[in-house]
Amino acid sequence: MARKLSLELKIKIAKELSENKHLTERDIVDKYKISKDFPRNIQRSPHTLSQKLDKIVFEAFTKTREEFIPVSGPLLKNIASKVARMLNYSAFKGSNGWLEKFKKRHMLSFKTISGEKNSSDVSSLDMFFSKYDEYVKEYGLQNIFNCDETGLYIKRIPSKSFVSSDEDCFGIKRSKEKFTILLSVSACGEKLKPLLVGKYKSPRCMKNFNPEEHGVSYSSSKNSWMTSEIFITWLTITNEQMITQKRKIVLLLDNASCHKYIHLSNIELFFLPKNTTSLIQPLDMGIIKSFKSNYLNALLDFTLYFEDVELQMVNLKNKSLSCRKIVEQTWQNLNP
């Protein structure tokens, strides 16, 4: 079986082939116990030092990303400098200019690594989808639901704006009133009533709020976060609704600490494999993003009903109940 070659060994072999013209491919294969194709590939590789360095550094980059290790600019320059020393490429300068050209040549972009998708337990996905298919056959797609939470600043308008070139960039104080919202939707697009979790048990703005008359439920916790108690209450209420409808459903959900398993008569909890949320959770496939974008647009429309800017903001500050109505309408109008 051919050896897996380290970066150092590849560079060493490349140097030997370039410095010793009498060295044959067979000599290299026998000496290092490597694939017979490797020396041939090296011989076909670019001959200038800069091209060899570029090829080796990009190969090192590719192998590193295959292991899901983040590669920064400084790390790329360090790798390149190390390769240059081993190639006796004394003229090489691992400058920012070299890095920018390297990125452009290989079409690299600098992005935030989520840390989840790449560490996913992909091996468990086959079992998950096998079980999922069984549920679909037993319950039908219309009874397969997914639920997930996201944060929502219900009164925060955008912080960036087009401005005139001579205009000072002043605005209004941004609202910090954050809620957690739980959304749930079926594989056929049926949507359950959203649940808002706020900080206060009985906020002033909720004085006349009756969940039975609105398409949004409300609960509270110390930090406006979803808790296991709130989640279990939501599950219990939803289960009662399914009993009333004489219906049984499967609920897909992730492994968040607040998602506790409980046995329910009409809801079968089906947990996603750990660290696979970004791969297979339906609500993370654009539904939540669309909801939040549509909500922001609806919020801006709401403020524009008032011609006076100060009146707009006074109205917005005092109308959290109206914001909940916007949540309701946005969710109702969304087509998952």
Protein backbone atom coordinates (compact mmCIF):
# COMPACT_ATOMS: atom_id res chain seq x y z
CA MET A 1 0.00 0.00 0.00
CA ALA A 2 1.36 3.43 -0.95
CA ARG A 3 2.54 5.71 1.82
CA LYS A 4 0.67 8.85 2.78
CA LEU A 5 3.27 11.54 2.15
CA SER A 6 3.91 14.43 4.47
CA LEU A 7 4.46 17.94 3.14
CA GLU A 8 8.15 17.76 4.10
CA LEU A 9 8.66 14.49 2.23
CA LYS A 10 6.95 15.80 -0.91
CA ILE A 11 9.25 18.81 -0.91
CA LYS A 12 12.28 16.60 -0.34
CA ILE A 13 11.37 14.35 -3.28
CA ALA A 14 10.72 17.36 -5.50
CA LYS A 15 14.20 18.72 -4.65
CA GLU A 16 15.88 15.39 -5.35
CA LEU A 17 14.22 15.09 -8.74
CA SER A 18 15.16 18.63 -9.74
CA GLU A 19 18.76 18.45 -8.49
CA ASN A 20 19.69 14.94 -9.67
CA LYS A 21 18.96 14.54 -13.37
CA HIS A 22 20.12 10.89 -13.34
CA LEU A 23 17.58 9.89 -10.68
CA THR A 24 14.81 7.74 -12.15
CA GLU A 25 11.21 7.44 -11.10
CA ARG A 26 11.84 3.82 -10.08
CA ASP A 27 14.68 4.96 -7.80
CA ILE A 28 12.31 7.32 -5.96
CA VAL A 29 9.51 4.73 -5.75
CA ASP A 30 11.86 2.09 -4.32
CA LYS A 31 13.60 4.48 -1.94
CA TYR A 32 10.47 6.00 -0.36
CA LYS A 33 7.98 3.17 -0.95
CA ILE A 34 5.52 5.48 -2.65
CA SER A 35 3.04 5.31 -5.52
CA LYS A 36 4.69 5.00 -8.92
CA ASP A 37 2.54 7.89 -10.15
CA PHE A 38 3.86 10.42 -7.65
CA PRO A 39 7.31 11.08 -9.21
CA ARG A 40 5.65 11.42 -12.61
CA ASN A 41 3.26 14.03 -11.22
CA ILE A 42 6.17 15.89 -9.67
CA GLN A 43 8.02 15.89 -12.99
CA ARG A 44 4.96 17.37 -14.69
CA SER A 45 4.67 20.07 -12.06
CA PRO A 46 5.84 23.65 -12.75
CA HIS A 47 9.58 24.13 -12.82
CA THR A 48 10.05 27.59 -11.34
CA LEU A 49 10.47 27.85 -7.59
CA SER A 50 7.55 30.23 -7.25
CA GLN A 51 5.25 27.86 -9.14
CA LYS A 52 6.42 24.87 -7.11
CA LEU A 53 5.87 26.80 -3.89
CA ASP A 54 2.40 27.87 -5.01
CA LYS A 55 1.44 24.30 -5.91
CA ILE A 56 2.69 22.84 -2.63
CA VAL A 57 1.12 25.55 -0.46
CA PHE A 58 -2.26 25.14 -2.16
CA GLU A 59 -2.06 21.39 -1.70
CA ALA A 60 -1.27 21.92 1.99
CA PHE A 61 -4.23 24.32 2.25
CA THR A 62 -6.57 21.78 0.64
CA LYS A 63 -5.45 18.96 2.93
CA THR A 64 -5.81 21.18 6.00
CA ARG A 65 -9.38 22.18 5.10
CA GLU A 66 -10.23 18.53 4.44
CA GLU A 67 -9.51 18.03 8.14
CA PHE A 68 -11.87 20.98 8.88
CA ILE A 69 -9.04 23.03 10.41
CA PRO A 70 -9.46 26.82 9.99
CA VAL A 71 -6.74 28.38 7.81
CA SER A 72 -5.99 32.05 8.40
CA GLY A 73 -3.84 34.45 6.41
CA PRO A 74 -0.92 34.30 8.88
CA LEU A 75 -1.05 30.50 8.82
CA LEU A 76 -0.89 30.44 5.01
CA LYS A 77 2.11 32.77 5.08
CA ASN A 78 3.83 30.58 7.68
CA ILE A 79 3.28 27.48 5.55
CA ALA A 80 4.61 29.29 2.48
CA SER A 81 7.71 30.51 4.35
CA LYS A 82 8.42 26.98 5.56
CA VAL A 83 8.07 25.57 2.05
CA ALA A 84 10.32 28.34 0.68
CA ARG A 85 13.07 27.46 3.18
CA MET A 86 12.88 23.78 2.28
CA LEU A 87 13.07 24.66 -1.44
CA ASN A 88 15.99 27.02 -0.78
CA TYR A 89 13.83 29.77 -2.26
CA SER A 90 15.65 32.64 -0.54
CA ALA A 91 14.03 35.37 -2.63
CA PHE A 92 10.56 34.51 -1.35
CA LYS A 93 8.85 37.11 0.83
CA GLY A 94 5.70 35.97 2.59
CA SER A 95 4.15 39.41 2.34
CA ASN A 96 0.53 40.52 2.38
CA GLY A 97 0.91 41.18 -1.33
CA TRP A 98 1.86 37.54 -1.95
CA LEU A 99 -1.09 36.40 0.16
CA GLU A 100 -3.58 38.54 -1.78
CA LYS A 101 -2.29 37.20 -5.11
CA PHE A 102 -2.40 33.63 -3.78
CA LYS A 103 -6.02 34.10 -2.66
CA LYS A 104 -6.94 35.57 -6.04
CA ARG A 105 -5.23 32.79 -8.01
CA HIS A 106 -7.06 30.09 -6.09
CA MET A 107 -10.31 32.03 -5.54
CA LEU A 108 -10.14 31.85 -1.75
CA SER A 109 -12.42 33.92 0.47
CA PHE A 110 -12.25 34.57 4.21
CA LYS A 111 -15.42 33.43 5.98
CA THR A 112 -16.61 32.70 9.50
CA ILE A 113 -16.48 28.99 10.29
CA SER A 114 -19.71 27.85 11.96
CA GLY A 115 -18.06 25.00 13.82
CA GLU A 116 -21.10 22.79 13.40
CA LYS A 117 -21.56 21.52 9.89
CA ASN A 118 -17.98 20.31 9.56
CA SER A 119 -18.10 18.47 12.87
CA SER A 120 -21.43 16.82 12.10
CA ASP A 121 -21.92 13.20 13.00
CA VAL A 122 -22.55 12.33 9.36
CA SER A 123 -22.34 8.60 10.08
CA SER A 124 -25.59 8.81 12.04
CA LEU A 125 -27.48 10.41 9.16
CA ASP A 126 -28.18 7.10 7.39
CA MET A 127 -29.94 5.77 10.48
CA PHE A 128 -31.81 9.06 10.89
CA PHE A 129 -33.15 9.09 7.32
CA SER A 130 -34.08 5.42 7.54
CA LYS A 131 -36.17 6.16 10.64
CA TYR A 132 -37.54 9.31 8.98
CA ASP A 133 -38.79 7.26 6.02
CA GLU A 134 -40.56 4.93 8.45
CA TYR A 135 -42.28 7.88 10.11
CA VAL A 136 -43.37 9.29 6.75
CA LYS A 137 -44.95 5.96 5.81
CA GLU A 138 -46.68 5.64 9.18
CA TYR A 139 -47.79 9.26 9.78
CA GLY A 140 -47.75 10.88 6.33
CA LEU A 141 -45.77 14.00 5.33
CA GLN A 142 -48.57 16.28 6.50
CA ASN A 143 -47.95 15.09 10.07
CA ILE A 144 -44.16 15.53 10.11
CA PHE A 145 -43.31 18.81 11.87
CA ASN A 146 -40.11 20.64 12.77
CA CYS A 147 -39.68 23.21 15.53
CA ASP A 148 -36.81 25.56 16.34
CA GLU A 149 -36.11 28.78 18.23
CA THR A 150 -34.43 32.00 17.16
CA GLY A 151 -33.79 35.41 18.69
CA LEU A 152 -35.89 38.36 17.57
CA TYR A 153 -35.50 42.06 18.33
CA ILE A 154 -39.14 42.89 17.79
CA LYS A 155 -38.72 46.67 17.70
CA ARG A 156 -35.24 47.07 16.20
CA ILE A 157 -34.99 48.79 12.84
CA PRO A 158 -31.80 48.57 10.68
CA SER A 159 -28.59 50.24 11.93
CA LYS A 160 -27.32 51.00 8.40
CA SER A 161 -28.83 53.36 5.85
CA PHE A 162 -28.12 55.17 2.63
CA VAL A 163 -27.31 58.80 3.50
CA SER A 164 -26.55 61.95 1.56
CA SER A 165 -22.85 62.68 1.18
CA ASP A 166 -23.15 65.78 3.38
CA GLU A 167 -25.43 64.16 5.96
CA ASP A 168 -24.31 63.34 9.51
CA CYS A 169 -24.86 59.67 10.34
CA PHE A 170 -27.18 60.09 13.29
CA GLY A 171 -30.22 58.00 14.01
CA ILE A 172 -32.34 56.84 16.90
CA LYS A 173 -31.41 54.75 19.90
CA ARG A 174 -31.84 51.11 18.93
CA SER A 175 -34.25 49.00 20.94
CA LYS A 176 -32.65 46.19 22.96
CA GLU A 177 -35.94 44.41 23.63
CA LYS A 178 -35.12 40.87 22.55
CA PHE A 179 -37.44 37.90 22.49
CA THR A 180 -37.01 34.25 21.70
CA ILE A 181 -39.52 32.95 19.20
CA LEU A 182 -40.36 29.29 18.66
CA LEU A 183 -41.58 28.41 15.18
CA SER A 184 -42.99 25.12 13.98
CA VAL A 185 -43.98 24.01 10.49
CA SER A 186 -44.90 20.74 8.78
CA ALA A 187 -43.30 19.16 5.73
CA CYS A 188 -46.39 20.29 3.78
CA GLY A 189 -46.18 23.91 4.96
CA GLU A 190 -48.73 23.87 7.79
CA LYS A 191 -47.69 26.35 10.48
CA LEU A 192 -48.36 26.13 14.22
CA LYS A 193 -48.91 29.22 16.35
CA PRO A 194 -45.57 30.94 17.18
CA LEU A 195 -44.51 31.20 20.81
CA LEU A 196 -42.80 34.40 21.97
CA VAL A 197 -40.66 34.28 25.11
CA GLY A 198 -40.04 37.66 26.72
CA LYS A 199 -38.34 38.87 29.88
CA TYR A 200 -41.39 39.99 31.85
CA LYS A 201 -44.25 37.81 33.03
CA SER A 202 -46.86 40.57 32.66
CA PRO A 203 -45.35 43.40 30.59
CA ARG A 204 -47.38 46.56 30.33
CA CYS A 205 -47.78 46.10 26.61
CA MET A 206 -49.41 42.69 27.20
CA LYS A 207 -52.07 44.04 29.56
CA ASN A 208 -54.93 43.38 27.16
CA PHE A 209 -53.28 40.52 25.28
CA ASN A 210 -55.40 37.38 24.99
CA PRO A 211 -53.51 34.48 23.36
CA GLU A 212 -56.79 32.83 22.45
CA GLU A 213 -57.64 35.79 20.22
CA HIS A 214 -54.24 36.09 18.56
CA GLY A 215 -52.05 33.88 16.41
CA VAL A 216 -49.13 34.25 18.85
CA SER A 217 -48.61 32.71 22.30
CA TYR A 218 -46.52 34.35 25.01
CA SER A 219 -44.38 33.17 27.92
CA SER A 220 -41.51 34.62 29.95
CA SER A 221 -38.14 33.75 31.44
CA LYS A 222 -35.39 35.69 33.20
CA ASN A 223 -33.29 36.21 30.07
CA SER A 224 -36.02 35.91 27.44
CA TRP A 225 -34.63 32.46 26.64
CA MET A 226 -36.46 29.24 25.99
CA THR A 227 -36.38 27.00 29.07
CA SER A 228 -37.22 23.32 29.45
CA GLU A 229 -40.28 24.27 31.54
CA ILE A 230 -41.64 26.61 28.87
CA PHE A 231 -40.90 24.08 26.14
CA ILE A 232 -42.66 21.25 27.98
CA THR A 233 -45.68 23.50 28.53
CA TRP A 234 -45.74 24.30 24.81
CA LEU A 235 -45.49 20.59 23.98
CA THR A 236 -48.32 19.75 26.36
CA ILE A 237 -50.61 22.41 24.90
CA THR A 238 -49.76 21.33 21.35
CA ASN A 239 -50.42 17.70 22.29
CA GLU A 240 -53.86 18.67 23.61
CA GLN A 241 -54.58 20.40 20.31
CA MET A 242 -53.65 17.23 18.44
CA ILE A 243 -55.94 15.19 20.70
CA THR A 244 -58.78 17.58 19.88
CA GLN A 245 -58.02 17.19 16.17
CA LYS A 246 -57.80 13.39 16.59
CA ARG A 247 -54.39 13.59 15.02
CA LYS A 248 -50.92 12.23 15.74
CA ILE A 249 -47.73 13.95 14.57
CA VAL A 250 -43.96 13.52 14.59
CA LEU A 251 -41.95 16.52 15.80
CA LEU A 252 -38.34 16.89 14.59
CA LEU A 253 -36.18 18.92 16.94
CA ASP A 254 -32.53 19.51 17.73
CA ASN A 255 -30.63 18.61 20.90
CA ALA A 256 -30.81 22.02 22.60
CA SER A 257 -30.63 21.72 26.38
CA CYS A 258 -34.16 23.09 26.73
CA HIS A 259 -35.57 20.32 24.52
CA LYS A 260 -36.35 17.65 27.08
CA TYR A 261 -37.90 14.36 26.11
CA ILE A 262 -41.35 13.61 27.50
CA HIS A 263 -43.82 10.94 26.50
CA LEU A 264 -46.90 12.37 24.80
CA SER A 265 -49.98 10.60 23.53
CA ASN A 266 -50.23 12.38 20.18
CA ILE A 267 -46.72 13.76 19.55
CA GLU A 268 -43.71 11.58 18.81
CA LEU A 269 -40.48 13.48 19.50
CA PHE A 270 -37.81 12.71 16.90
CA PHE A 271 -34.42 14.23 17.75
CA LEU A 272 -31.94 15.15 15.04
CA PRO A 273 -28.48 13.54 15.34
CA LYS A 274 -26.08 15.70 17.32
CA ASN A 275 -24.32 18.48 15.40
CA THR A 276 -26.38 18.00 12.26
CA THR A 277 -28.74 20.96 12.64
CA SER A 278 -27.08 22.98 9.88
CA LEU A 279 -27.27 19.99 7.55
CA ILE A 280 -30.84 18.75 7.84
CA GLN A 281 -33.05 20.94 10.06
CA PRO A 282 -35.81 22.26 7.75
CA LEU A 283 -36.33 25.57 9.58
CA ASP A 284 -32.62 26.33 9.17
CA MET A 285 -32.90 25.91 5.39
CA GLY A 286 -34.10 29.47 4.85
CA ILE A 287 -37.47 29.48 6.63
CA ILE A 288 -36.29 31.31 9.76
CA LYS A 289 -34.16 33.68 7.67
CA SER A 290 -37.14 34.54 5.45
CA PHE A 291 -39.38 35.06 8.46
CA LYS A 292 -36.97 37.51 10.09
CA SER A 293 -36.42 39.40 6.83
CA ASN A 294 -40.15 39.65 6.18
CA TYR A 295 -40.75 40.72 9.78
CA LEU A 296 -38.26 43.57 9.45
CA ASN A 297 -39.91 44.75 6.24
CA ALA A 298 -43.34 44.63 7.90
CA LEU A 299 -41.99 46.53 10.91
CA LEU A 300 -40.66 49.29 8.65
CA ASP A 301 -44.01 49.45 6.86
CA PHE A 302 -45.69 49.85 10.24
CA THR A 303 -43.54 52.83 11.23
CA LEU A 304 -44.04 54.50 7.84
CA TYR A 305 -47.77 54.83 8.49
CA PHE A 306 -46.83 57.84 10.61
CA GLU A 307 -45.51 60.85 8.69
CA ASP A 308 -43.80 62.42 11.70
CA VAL A 309 -40.57 60.57 12.56
CA GLU A 310 -40.84 61.26 16.31
CA LEU A 311 -44.40 59.99 16.29
CA GLN A 312 -43.21 56.87 14.48
CA MET A 313 -40.77 55.99 17.24
CA VAL A 314 -43.08 56.92 20.13
CA ASN A 315 -45.70 54.67 18.59
CA LEU A 316 -43.19 51.84 18.09
CA LYS A 317 -41.90 52.06 21.66
CA ASN A 318 -45.41 51.87 23.08
CA LYS A 319 -46.79 49.27 20.71
CA SER A 320 -45.13 45.97 21.53
CA LEU A 321 -48.59 44.50 21.21
CA SER A 322 -48.64 45.78 17.62
CA CYS A 323 -45.24 44.14 17.08
CA ARG A 324 -46.73 40.85 18.20
CA LYS A 325 -49.47 41.38 15.66
CA ILE A 326 -46.78 41.89 13.02
CA VAL A 327 -45.17 38.61 14.13
CA GLU A 328 -48.52 36.90 13.70
CA GLN A 329 -49.16 38.36 10.24
CA THR A 330 -45.60 37.73 9.05
CA TRP A 331 -45.81 34.07 10.05
CA GLN A 332 -49.25 33.66 8.50
CA ASN A 333 -48.07 35.19 5.21
CA LEU A 334 -44.88 33.12 4.98
CA ASN A 335 -44.88 30.26 2.49
CA PRO A 336 -42.30 27.71 3.77
